[in-house]
Amino acid sequence: MLEQFQAITLDCWQTLLDGESTELERHCFRVSAMHEKLQNRGISVPKERLSRALRDVAEEAHLRRRTTCLETAPNNQVIWLIDGLGLVRSPDLEEDLLEPYANAGLRVLPALLPGVAEALPRLARFPLGLICNTGVTPGTVVRKILAARGLLRWFSAVIFSDEIGVSKPHERIFAEALRSLGVNVPRDVLHVGDDLETDVAGAIRAGMRPVWLNPSTNQPLPAALTVSNLPALCSQLGL
């Protein structure tokens, strides 16, 4: 069992929710729905071009997040898309395209990763916080996904990068989670996530204790507890 701690924060994507296995379905939904929106306005954009433009926007937002820790909100991503397609910006066009862009995760719900439904109620014996880099799916939508999957009720605090403007591994997003949980000493909190840079290194820089979620546990880290899944973490914690 680890030394005493007060609370646990968790990453969202590929820690709780499996966004990767259904990402292609969500991309296809965005392409079809946004293509129809454009057609209804008399704007002709081939689906192949729209698909490439959507991927370019997602990659640009990802690169900005990785290099600067600045999160680009989905409404601004839609503006990038409009510019990239050479279309004329207008508030109503932006709003029209934002709806399917941001809400694709509700049309194609991500599955829970194995063991999450079993483990979260056990981990919730401690106050739980969520620290989520949002990407193309805003916090307003991630909340609904978590609620639909029965997870939201277990969290005392939920922090989304698009709502505070910075993403992991920036210290401010971890500090906001600590503040929301009412914890004054970062070392008293475990942070659990799958990404070495955003979760493990970010937690270390924030003064928290990292737990690396890695299905291939033959790669332990000296700086972090390494577990293959959340039920294994519960076992480590004696829960």
Protein backbone atom coordinates (compact mmCIF):
# COMPACT_ATOMS: atom_id res chain seq x y z
CA MET A 1 0.00 0.00 0.00
CA LEU A 2 1.20 3.54 -0.75
CA GLU A 3 1.92 6.08 1.93
CA GLN A 4 -1.09 8.05 3.10
CA PHE A 5 -2.84 10.36 0.64
CA GLN A 6 -6.01 12.44 0.61
CA ALA A 7 -7.44 12.33 -2.91
CA ILE A 8 -7.04 10.89 -6.40
CA THR A 9 -7.23 12.62 -9.76
CA LEU A 10 -7.63 10.75 -13.03
CA ASP A 11 -7.08 11.41 -16.69
CA CYS A 12 -10.08 10.79 -18.95
CA TRP A 13 -9.17 9.55 -22.45
CA GLN A 14 -7.49 6.11 -22.53
CA THR A 15 -7.69 6.01 -18.75
CA LEU A 16 -11.47 5.92 -18.30
CA LEU A 17 -12.87 6.28 -21.81
CA ASP A 18 -11.63 4.39 -24.88
CA GLY A 19 -11.63 7.19 -27.43
CA GLU A 20 -9.32 5.46 -29.89
CA SER A 21 -11.44 2.46 -30.90
CA THR A 22 -14.41 4.61 -32.00
CA GLU A 23 -12.54 7.69 -33.23
CA LEU A 24 -12.97 6.74 -36.90
CA GLU A 25 -16.74 6.46 -36.41
CA ARG A 26 -16.86 9.91 -34.85
CA HIS A 27 -14.74 11.33 -37.65
CA CYS A 28 -17.08 9.83 -40.26
CA PHE A 29 -20.07 11.26 -38.42
CA ARG A 30 -18.49 14.73 -38.44
CA VAL A 31 -17.72 14.50 -42.14
CA SER A 32 -21.25 13.38 -43.10
CA ALA A 33 -23.09 15.79 -40.79
CA MET A 34 -20.97 18.82 -41.66
CA HIS A 35 -21.09 18.00 -45.37
CA GLU A 36 -24.90 18.00 -45.14
CA LYS A 37 -24.87 21.33 -43.27
CA LEU A 38 -22.73 22.88 -46.02
CA GLN A 39 -24.89 21.41 -48.79
CA ASN A 40 -28.01 22.87 -47.16
CA ARG A 41 -26.33 26.27 -47.46
CA GLY A 42 -25.51 25.73 -51.09
CA ILE A 43 -21.78 25.29 -50.34
CA SER A 44 -20.09 22.51 -52.28
CA VAL A 45 -17.12 20.87 -50.54
CA PRO A 46 -16.19 17.28 -51.48
CA LYS A 47 -16.32 14.88 -48.55
CA GLU A 48 -12.71 13.87 -49.13
CA ARG A 49 -11.55 17.48 -48.84
CA LEU A 50 -13.66 18.04 -45.74
CA SER A 51 -12.24 14.87 -44.17
CA ARG A 52 -8.66 16.03 -44.79
CA ALA A 53 -9.44 19.50 -43.46
CA LEU A 54 -10.92 18.06 -40.26
CA ARG A 55 -7.82 15.94 -39.69
CA ASP A 56 -5.58 18.95 -40.35
CA VAL A 57 -7.46 21.00 -37.75
CA ALA A 58 -7.27 18.21 -35.17
CA GLU A 59 -3.54 17.82 -35.80
CA GLU A 60 -2.92 21.56 -35.55
CA ALA A 61 -4.81 21.75 -32.24
CA HIS A 62 -2.91 18.71 -30.95
CA LEU A 63 0.44 20.22 -31.94
CA ARG A 64 -0.43 23.54 -30.28
CA ARG A 65 -1.45 21.70 -27.13
CA ARG A 66 1.74 19.63 -27.05
CA THR A 67 4.10 22.52 -27.72
CA THR A 68 2.47 25.33 -25.72
CA CYS A 69 -0.07 23.67 -23.34
CA LEU A 70 -2.66 26.07 -24.79
CA GLU A 71 -6.04 24.49 -25.50
CA THR A 72 -7.93 25.51 -28.62
CA ALA A 73 -11.66 25.47 -27.92
CA PRO A 74 -13.83 23.64 -30.47
CA ASN A 75 -15.48 26.85 -31.68
CA ASN A 76 -12.04 28.17 -32.63
CA GLN A 77 -11.20 24.86 -34.29
CA VAL A 78 -14.31 25.30 -36.43
CA ILE A 79 -13.05 28.75 -37.44
CA TRP A 80 -9.74 27.14 -38.48
CA LEU A 81 -11.75 24.64 -40.52
CA ILE A 82 -13.75 27.35 -42.28
CA ASP A 83 -10.56 29.25 -43.08
CA GLY A 84 -8.84 26.09 -44.28
CA LEU A 85 -11.69 25.35 -46.66
CA GLY A 86 -11.51 28.89 -48.03
CA LEU A 87 -15.05 29.73 -46.91
CA VAL A 88 -16.35 33.06 -45.67
CA ARG A 89 -16.70 33.24 -41.92
CA SER A 90 -20.08 34.09 -40.41
CA PRO A 91 -21.46 33.52 -36.91
CA ASP A 92 -24.35 31.39 -38.14
CA LEU A 93 -22.08 29.15 -40.26
CA GLU A 94 -19.72 28.69 -37.32
CA GLU A 95 -22.64 27.78 -35.03
CA ASP A 96 -24.11 25.42 -37.63
CA LEU A 97 -20.86 23.49 -38.05
CA LEU A 98 -19.97 23.51 -34.36
CA GLU A 99 -22.99 21.41 -33.40
CA PRO A 100 -21.92 18.17 -35.16
CA TYR A 101 -18.23 18.92 -34.64
CA ALA A 102 -18.48 19.17 -30.87
CA ASN A 103 -21.26 16.64 -30.28
CA ALA A 104 -19.96 13.67 -32.28
CA GLY A 105 -19.03 11.97 -29.00
CA LEU A 106 -22.71 11.85 -28.04
CA ARG A 107 -23.65 10.28 -31.37
CA VAL A 108 -20.87 7.67 -31.13
CA LEU A 109 -20.33 7.11 -27.40
CA PRO A 110 -16.84 6.02 -26.37
CA ALA A 111 -16.74 2.75 -24.45
CA LEU A 112 -15.35 2.35 -20.97
CA LEU A 113 -11.93 0.79 -20.73
CA PRO A 114 -11.82 -2.63 -19.05
CA GLY A 115 -12.19 -2.54 -15.30
CA VAL A 116 -13.27 1.11 -15.05
CA ALA A 117 -16.88 0.46 -14.00
CA GLU A 118 -15.67 -1.96 -11.32
CA ALA A 119 -12.82 0.17 -10.02
CA LEU A 120 -14.24 3.69 -9.86
CA PRO A 121 -16.67 3.09 -6.98
CA ARG A 122 -13.77 1.57 -5.01
CA LEU A 123 -11.47 4.50 -5.75
CA ALA A 124 -14.29 6.87 -4.79
CA ARG A 125 -13.71 6.03 -1.14
CA PHE A 126 -11.32 8.96 -1.62
CA PRO A 127 -12.39 12.28 -3.17
CA LEU A 128 -11.94 11.92 -6.94
CA GLY A 129 -11.08 14.59 -9.48
CA LEU A 130 -11.00 14.40 -13.26
CA ILE A 131 -8.36 16.31 -15.26
CA CYS A 132 -9.18 16.09 -18.96
CA ASN A 133 -7.46 17.43 -22.08
CA THR A 134 -10.49 17.91 -24.28
CA GLY A 135 -9.23 18.15 -27.88
CA VAL A 136 -12.16 18.18 -30.29
CA THR A 137 -14.74 17.18 -27.64
CA PRO A 138 -15.51 20.06 -25.23
CA GLY A 139 -15.98 19.64 -21.52
CA THR A 140 -19.72 20.26 -21.80
CA VAL A 141 -19.96 17.14 -23.99
CA VAL A 142 -17.48 15.03 -22.00
CA ARG A 143 -19.63 15.62 -18.91
CA LYS A 144 -22.62 14.17 -20.77
CA ILE A 145 -20.58 11.20 -22.00
CA LEU A 146 -19.38 10.48 -18.46
CA ALA A 147 -22.95 10.77 -17.16
CA ALA A 148 -24.24 8.44 -19.88
CA ARG A 149 -21.58 5.89 -18.92
CA GLY A 150 -22.43 6.21 -15.21
CA LEU A 151 -19.11 7.77 -14.18
CA LEU A 152 -19.81 11.45 -13.52
CA ARG A 153 -21.44 10.82 -10.13
CA TRP A 154 -18.20 9.51 -8.66
CA PHE A 155 -16.27 12.77 -9.14
CA SER A 156 -16.09 15.62 -6.67
CA ALA A 157 -14.32 17.86 -9.21
CA VAL A 158 -14.08 17.82 -13.02
CA ILE A 159 -11.54 20.03 -14.79
CA PHE A 160 -11.49 20.45 -18.57
CA SER A 161 -8.73 22.10 -20.54
CA ASP A 162 -11.05 23.99 -22.90
CA GLU A 163 -12.73 25.64 -19.91
CA ILE A 164 -9.56 26.95 -18.25
CA GLY A 165 -7.52 27.53 -21.42
CA VAL A 166 -4.51 25.33 -20.66
CA SER A 167 -3.95 21.60 -20.93
CA LYS A 168 -1.85 19.02 -19.15
CA PRO A 169 1.05 19.04 -18.44
CA HIS A 170 0.65 22.74 -17.49
CA GLU A 171 0.78 23.12 -13.71
CA ARG A 172 -2.28 25.38 -13.65
CA ILE A 173 -4.71 22.64 -14.66
CA PHE A 174 -3.43 20.40 -11.85
CA ALA A 175 -3.56 23.31 -9.40
CA GLU A 176 -7.19 23.95 -10.36
CA ALA A 177 -8.03 20.33 -9.60
CA LEU A 178 -6.35 20.57 -6.19
CA ARG A 179 -8.22 23.78 -5.44
CA SER A 180 -11.55 22.22 -6.44
CA LEU A 181 -10.86 19.19 -4.25
CA GLY A 182 -9.86 21.39 -1.32
CA VAL A 183 -6.38 19.88 -1.03
CA ASN A 184 -3.54 22.23 -0.10
CA VAL A 185 -0.58 19.84 -0.36
CA PRO A 186 -0.03 18.46 -3.91
CA ARG A 187 1.96 15.50 -2.55
CA ASP A 188 -1.22 14.31 -0.83
CA VAL A 189 -2.85 13.55 -4.21
CA LEU A 190 -2.29 10.67 -6.63
CA HIS A 191 -2.72 11.42 -10.32
CA VAL A 192 -3.53 8.47 -12.58
CA GLY A 193 -3.10 8.55 -16.35
CA ASP A 194 -1.73 6.77 -19.40
CA ASP A 195 0.41 9.51 -20.97
CA LEU A 196 4.03 9.81 -19.86
CA GLU A 197 4.32 13.51 -20.69
CA THR A 198 0.91 14.96 -19.87
CA ASP A 199 0.04 12.73 -16.91
CA VAL A 200 3.24 11.39 -15.34
CA ALA A 201 5.64 14.28 -16.00
CA GLY A 202 2.83 16.82 -15.52
CA ALA A 203 1.90 15.38 -12.12
CA ILE A 204 5.54 15.34 -11.02
CA ARG A 205 6.02 18.99 -11.99
CA ALA A 206 2.83 19.85 -10.10
CA GLY A 207 4.19 18.14 -6.98
CA MET A 208 1.67 15.29 -7.09
CA ARG A 209 2.37 11.56 -6.99
CA PRO A 210 1.96 9.96 -10.43
CA VAL A 211 0.47 6.58 -11.24
CA TRP A 212 1.21 5.40 -14.78
CA LEU A 213 -1.58 3.35 -16.31
CA ASN A 214 0.26 1.06 -18.70
CA PRO A 215 -1.15 -2.32 -19.84
CA SER A 216 2.44 -3.42 -20.55
CA THR A 217 3.63 -3.47 -16.95
CA ASN A 218 7.03 -4.85 -17.93
CA GLN A 219 8.03 -1.19 -18.35
CA PRO A 220 7.96 0.18 -14.78
CA LEU A 221 9.06 3.72 -14.03
CA PRO A 222 11.23 4.56 -11.03
CA ALA A 223 9.40 7.86 -10.60
CA ALA A 224 5.85 6.47 -10.68
CA LEU A 225 3.78 3.55 -9.51
CA THR A 226 2.95 1.53 -12.64
CA VAL A 227 -0.29 -0.47 -12.95
CA SER A 228 -1.90 -2.30 -15.84
CA ASN A 229 -5.46 -1.11 -15.14
CA LEU A 230 -7.60 0.55 -12.50
CA PRO A 231 -8.57 -2.67 -10.67
CA ALA A 232 -4.83 -3.33 -10.25
CA LEU A 233 -4.50 0.13 -8.72
CA CYS A 234 -7.32 -0.69 -6.29
CA SER A 235 -5.39 -3.78 -5.24
CA GLN A 236 -2.24 -1.73 -4.74
CA LEU A 237 -4.19 0.70 -2.57
CA GLY A 238 -5.91 -2.04 -0.57
CA LEU A 239 -9.36 -1.03 -1.81
